[in-house]
């Protein structure tokens, strides 16, 4: 008897907190066998729609920064190799390491900072870019994406003044990020993908549902305290239930 073929899933280039990548083996068997369009009112990093076999995608999130990065990546999907080069160029202009581009951390630095060598090397440049981004009137989505990739736990978090306030992480621009970007490109080119930035109720009321739609609802949770749950309360829960 042959072993069952292992399904390979694509990871979102957000590496998003709350991402469902690791749960896809449990989630996807519950999908309809056939559907033409997937509709997500809480898209987050997008791992679900990236692994859904649908030609059309309607994806929404209340976080304007999440949708801004999605739209940036979607706009670059047909020229992703160029986008990767532009990412590396911007990162290196701030002295950030790019292991994908062949940057090597010296044994001496690894020995002195065994678990935080990327954070040690990138902290100064990261903080300079963060200051530049936060002080800009017209903020650059590419700068924000670079900050997210090099930031602690690759989080998107802003303070009450609207300033990005994540510290540097012990990560850099590596092959896993590039692979996720390439997969994002391969799964969006040729598909009709539309993102929106609305309250979930307004989004759902705006959709003209039709035969062949699959509505995937994965809201924030009341029982956890993650960053993306901060605006979700019992009122939201009741509205969604209604």
Protein backbone atom coordinates (compact mmCIF):
# COMPACT_ATOMS: atom_id res chain seq x y z
CA UNK A 1 0.00 0.00 0.00
CA UNK A 2 1.47 3.33 -1.05
CA UNK A 3 1.81 6.10 1.49
CA UNK A 4 -0.52 9.04 1.00
CA UNK A 5 1.06 11.89 -0.92
CA UNK A 6 2.09 14.72 1.35
CA UNK A 7 0.44 18.00 0.42
CA UNK A 8 2.73 21.01 0.29
CA UNK A 9 1.19 24.29 1.45
CA UNK A 10 2.27 27.80 0.59
CA UNK A 11 3.21 30.18 3.38
CA UNK A 12 2.14 33.78 3.40
CA UNK A 13 4.99 36.32 3.03
CA UNK A 14 3.54 38.10 6.08
CA UNK A 15 4.61 35.36 8.51
CA UNK A 16 1.68 36.86 10.36
CA UNK A 17 0.81 36.37 14.03
CA UNK A 18 -2.35 34.25 14.01
CA UNK A 19 -1.53 32.91 10.58
CA UNK A 20 -3.22 29.60 9.78
CA UNK A 21 -0.30 28.08 7.84
CA UNK A 22 0.34 25.33 10.39
CA UNK A 23 -3.36 24.52 10.61
CA UNK A 24 -3.93 24.20 6.86
CA UNK A 25 -3.72 20.36 6.94
CA UNK A 26 -6.73 20.45 9.31
CA UNK A 27 -8.59 23.33 7.64
CA UNK A 28 -8.42 22.56 3.93
CA UNK A 29 -10.10 19.10 4.09
CA UNK A 30 -13.20 20.96 5.33
CA UNK A 31 -13.36 23.16 2.22
CA UNK A 32 -16.07 22.52 -0.38
CA UNK A 33 -14.89 20.17 -3.12
CA UNK A 34 -15.51 22.88 -5.73
CA UNK A 35 -15.88 26.64 -5.52
CA UNK A 36 -15.19 29.51 -7.89
CA UNK A 37 -14.64 32.35 -5.44
CA UNK A 38 -13.35 32.53 -1.88
CA UNK A 39 -14.51 35.40 0.31
CA UNK A 40 -12.61 36.33 3.49
CA UNK A 41 -13.79 39.15 5.76
CA UNK A 42 -10.77 38.60 8.08
CA UNK A 43 -7.94 37.83 5.66
CA UNK A 44 -4.90 38.60 7.84
CA UNK A 45 -1.75 37.34 6.16
CA UNK A 46 -3.72 35.41 3.55
CA UNK A 47 -2.49 31.84 3.98
CA UNK A 48 -6.00 30.47 3.46
CA UNK A 49 -6.80 32.13 0.14
CA UNK A 50 -3.27 31.41 -1.10
CA UNK A 51 -3.97 27.71 -0.62
CA UNK A 52 -7.53 27.75 -1.93
CA UNK A 53 -8.28 26.57 -5.46
CA UNK A 54 -10.39 29.51 -6.60
CA UNK A 55 -10.03 31.86 -9.54
CA UNK A 56 -11.53 34.79 -7.67
CA UNK A 57 -10.67 36.20 -4.25
CA UNK A 58 -12.50 38.86 -2.24
CA UNK A 59 -10.37 39.58 0.82
CA UNK A 60 -10.93 42.13 3.55
CA UNK A 61 -9.26 43.24 6.75
CA UNK A 62 -9.90 46.10 9.15
CA UNK A 63 -6.15 46.74 9.46
CA UNK A 64 -5.27 49.22 6.73
CA UNK A 65 -1.56 48.37 7.02
CA UNK A 66 -2.23 44.69 6.33
CA UNK A 67 -4.28 45.57 3.26
CA UNK A 68 -1.67 48.12 2.17
CA UNK A 69 1.03 45.44 2.13
CA UNK A 70 -1.27 42.98 0.35
CA UNK A 71 -1.92 45.57 -2.36
CA UNK A 72 1.80 46.28 -2.62
CA UNK A 73 2.61 42.59 -3.11
CA UNK A 74 -0.29 42.16 -5.53
CA UNK A 75 0.95 45.11 -7.60
CA UNK A 76 4.40 43.49 -7.80
CA UNK A 77 3.23 39.92 -8.43
CA UNK A 78 4.10 39.93 -12.14
CA UNK A 79 7.59 41.31 -11.46
CA UNK A 80 8.41 39.61 -8.17
CA UNK A 81 12.09 39.07 -9.01
CA UNK A 82 12.46 42.83 -9.41
CA UNK A 83 10.60 43.40 -6.15
CA UNK A 84 13.00 41.05 -4.32
CA UNK A 85 15.93 43.05 -5.66
CA UNK A 86 14.33 46.34 -4.63
CA UNK A 87 13.66 44.95 -1.16
CA UNK A 88 17.29 43.87 -0.77
CA UNK A 89 18.52 47.22 -2.12
CA UNK A 90 16.43 49.17 0.41
CA UNK A 91 17.44 46.86 3.28
CA UNK A 92 21.13 47.10 2.48
CA UNK A 93 20.94 50.88 2.16
CA UNK A 94 20.20 50.84 5.90
CA UNK A 95 22.91 48.30 6.65
CA UNK A 96 20.47 45.41 7.21
CA UNK A 97 21.75 41.90 6.57
CA UNK A 98 20.43 39.87 3.63
CA UNK A 99 21.35 36.22 4.03
CA UNK A 100 19.43 35.51 0.83
CA UNK A 101 21.89 37.76 -0.97
CA UNK A 102 24.89 35.92 0.44
CA UNK A 103 25.60 37.97 3.55
CA UNK A 104 27.45 35.85 6.11
CA UNK A 105 27.60 36.49 9.84
CA UNK A 106 31.13 36.09 11.15
CA UNK A 107 31.88 33.28 13.65
CA UNK A 108 33.10 35.90 16.12
CA UNK A 109 29.73 37.71 16.12
CA UNK A 110 27.82 34.43 16.38
CA UNK A 111 29.97 33.44 19.34
CA UNK A 112 29.51 36.77 21.12
CA UNK A 113 25.75 36.95 20.36
CA UNK A 114 24.79 33.27 19.96
CA UNK A 115 21.01 33.77 19.80
CA UNK A 116 20.71 37.44 18.86
CA UNK A 117 23.37 38.05 16.22
CA UNK A 118 20.93 39.31 13.57
CA UNK A 119 19.34 41.67 16.10
CA UNK A 120 22.80 42.92 17.08
CA UNK A 121 23.84 43.56 13.49
CA UNK A 122 20.54 45.08 12.34
CA UNK A 123 19.42 47.14 15.34
CA UNK A 124 20.97 50.46 14.30
CA UNK A 125 19.81 50.33 10.68
CA UNK A 126 16.38 49.06 11.70
CA UNK A 127 15.88 51.92 14.13
CA UNK A 128 17.01 54.45 11.53
CA UNK A 129 14.52 53.09 9.00
CA UNK A 130 11.77 52.99 11.64
CA UNK A 131 12.41 56.64 12.53
CA UNK A 132 12.35 57.60 8.86
CA UNK A 133 9.11 55.69 8.25
CA UNK A 134 7.37 57.11 11.32
CA UNK A 135 8.32 60.69 10.45
CA UNK A 136 7.16 60.44 6.82
CA UNK A 137 3.95 62.14 5.73
CA UNK A 138 3.45 59.79 2.78
CA UNK A 139 4.51 56.45 4.18
CA UNK A 140 6.08 53.86 1.91
CA UNK A 141 4.52 50.37 2.03
CA UNK A 142 7.84 48.82 1.01
CA UNK A 143 9.55 50.44 4.01
CA UNK A 144 6.83 49.02 6.27
CA UNK A 145 7.22 45.56 4.77
CA UNK A 146 11.01 45.72 5.33
CA UNK A 147 10.38 46.75 8.95
CA UNK A 148 7.95 43.88 9.40
CA UNK A 149 10.37 41.28 7.99
CA UNK A 150 13.21 42.48 10.25
CA UNK A 151 10.98 43.23 13.25
CA UNK A 152 10.42 41.15 16.38
CA UNK A 153 8.15 38.21 15.58
CA UNK A 154 7.46 39.98 12.26
CA UNK A 155 4.62 41.87 13.87
CA UNK A 156 2.69 44.91 12.71
CA UNK A 157 1.99 47.13 15.71
CA UNK A 158 1.43 50.86 16.06
CA UNK A 159 1.09 53.08 19.13
CA UNK A 160 -1.71 55.58 19.78
CA UNK A 161 0.14 58.20 17.74
CA UNK A 162 0.13 55.85 14.75
CA UNK A 163 3.85 55.11 14.93
CA UNK A 164 5.24 51.67 14.21
CA UNK A 165 6.74 50.53 17.52
CA UNK A 166 8.12 47.01 17.14
CA UNK A 167 11.80 46.46 18.10
CA UNK A 168 14.28 44.69 15.85
CA UNK A 169 14.04 40.90 15.71
CA UNK A 170 16.65 38.20 15.34
CA UNK A 171 15.71 37.61 11.70
CA UNK A 172 16.69 38.87 8.28
CA UNK A 173 15.83 38.66 4.58
CA UNK A 174 16.34 34.97 3.91
CA UNK A 175 15.35 32.21 1.49
CA UNK A 176 12.12 31.49 3.35
CA UNK A 177 10.92 35.06 2.78
CA UNK A 178 11.84 34.96 -0.90
CA UNK A 179 10.12 31.58 -1.34
CA UNK A 180 6.96 32.96 0.26
CA UNK A 181 7.06 36.02 -2.02
CA UNK A 182 7.48 33.82 -5.09
CA UNK A 183 4.58 31.62 -3.97
CA UNK A 184 2.43 34.71 -3.42
CA UNK A 185 3.21 35.76 -6.97
CA UNK A 186 2.39 32.36 -8.43
CA UNK A 187 -0.96 32.23 -6.60
CA UNK A 188 -2.15 35.74 -7.47
CA UNK A 189 -1.02 36.22 -11.08
CA UNK A 190 -3.89 35.22 -13.34
CA UNK A 191 -6.46 35.29 -10.54
CA UNK A 192 -8.99 38.03 -9.89
CA UNK A 193 -7.90 39.19 -6.42
CA UNK A 194 -9.52 42.23 -4.79
CA UNK A 195 -8.66 43.56 -1.33
CA UNK A 196 -10.76 45.90 0.77
CA UNK A 197 -10.31 47.67 4.11
CA UNK A 198 -13.71 47.71 5.79
CA UNK A 199 -15.46 46.66 8.96
CA UNK A 200 -16.44 43.03 8.44
CA UNK A 201 -20.17 43.81 8.49
CA UNK A 202 -19.85 46.54 5.86
CA UNK A 203 -17.72 44.20 3.77
CA UNK A 204 -20.21 41.33 3.93
CA UNK A 205 -23.11 43.63 3.07
CA UNK A 206 -21.19 44.86 0.03
CA UNK A 207 -20.74 41.38 -1.43
CA UNK A 208 -23.17 40.17 -4.05
CA UNK A 209 -23.12 36.47 -3.21
CA UNK A 210 -23.59 33.98 -6.01
CA UNK A 211 -23.44 30.29 -6.74
CA UNK A 212 -19.92 28.91 -6.42
CA UNK A 213 -18.92 31.21 -3.53
CA UNK A 214 -17.10 29.92 -0.45
CA UNK A 215 -17.23 32.21 2.57
CA UNK A 216 -14.37 31.57 5.01
CA UNK A 217 -14.82 33.36 8.32
CA UNK A 218 -11.90 33.41 10.74
CA UNK A 219 -12.44 36.32 13.14
CA UNK A 220 -10.21 37.51 15.98
CA UNK A 221 -10.81 35.83 19.32
CA UNK A 222 -12.10 37.11 22.64
CA UNK A 223 -9.97 34.61 24.56
CA UNK A 224 -6.52 35.85 23.49
CA UNK A 225 -4.62 39.13 23.73
CA UNK A 226 -2.76 39.24 20.42
CA UNK A 227 -2.24 42.57 18.68
CA UNK A 228 -4.83 41.83 15.99
CA UNK A 229 -7.45 41.14 18.70
CA UNK A 230 -7.18 44.55 20.35
CA UNK A 231 -10.24 46.01 18.56
CA UNK A 232 -12.37 42.87 18.88
CA UNK A 233 -14.87 42.84 21.72
CA UNK A 234 -18.19 41.28 22.69
CA UNK A 235 -20.05 43.81 20.55
CA UNK A 236 -18.12 42.67 17.46
CA UNK A 237 -18.73 39.06 18.42
CA UNK A 238 -22.47 39.69 18.69
CA UNK A 239 -22.58 41.52 15.36
CA UNK A 240 -20.81 38.65 13.65
CA UNK A 241 -23.14 36.10 15.24
CA UNK A 242 -26.16 38.13 14.12
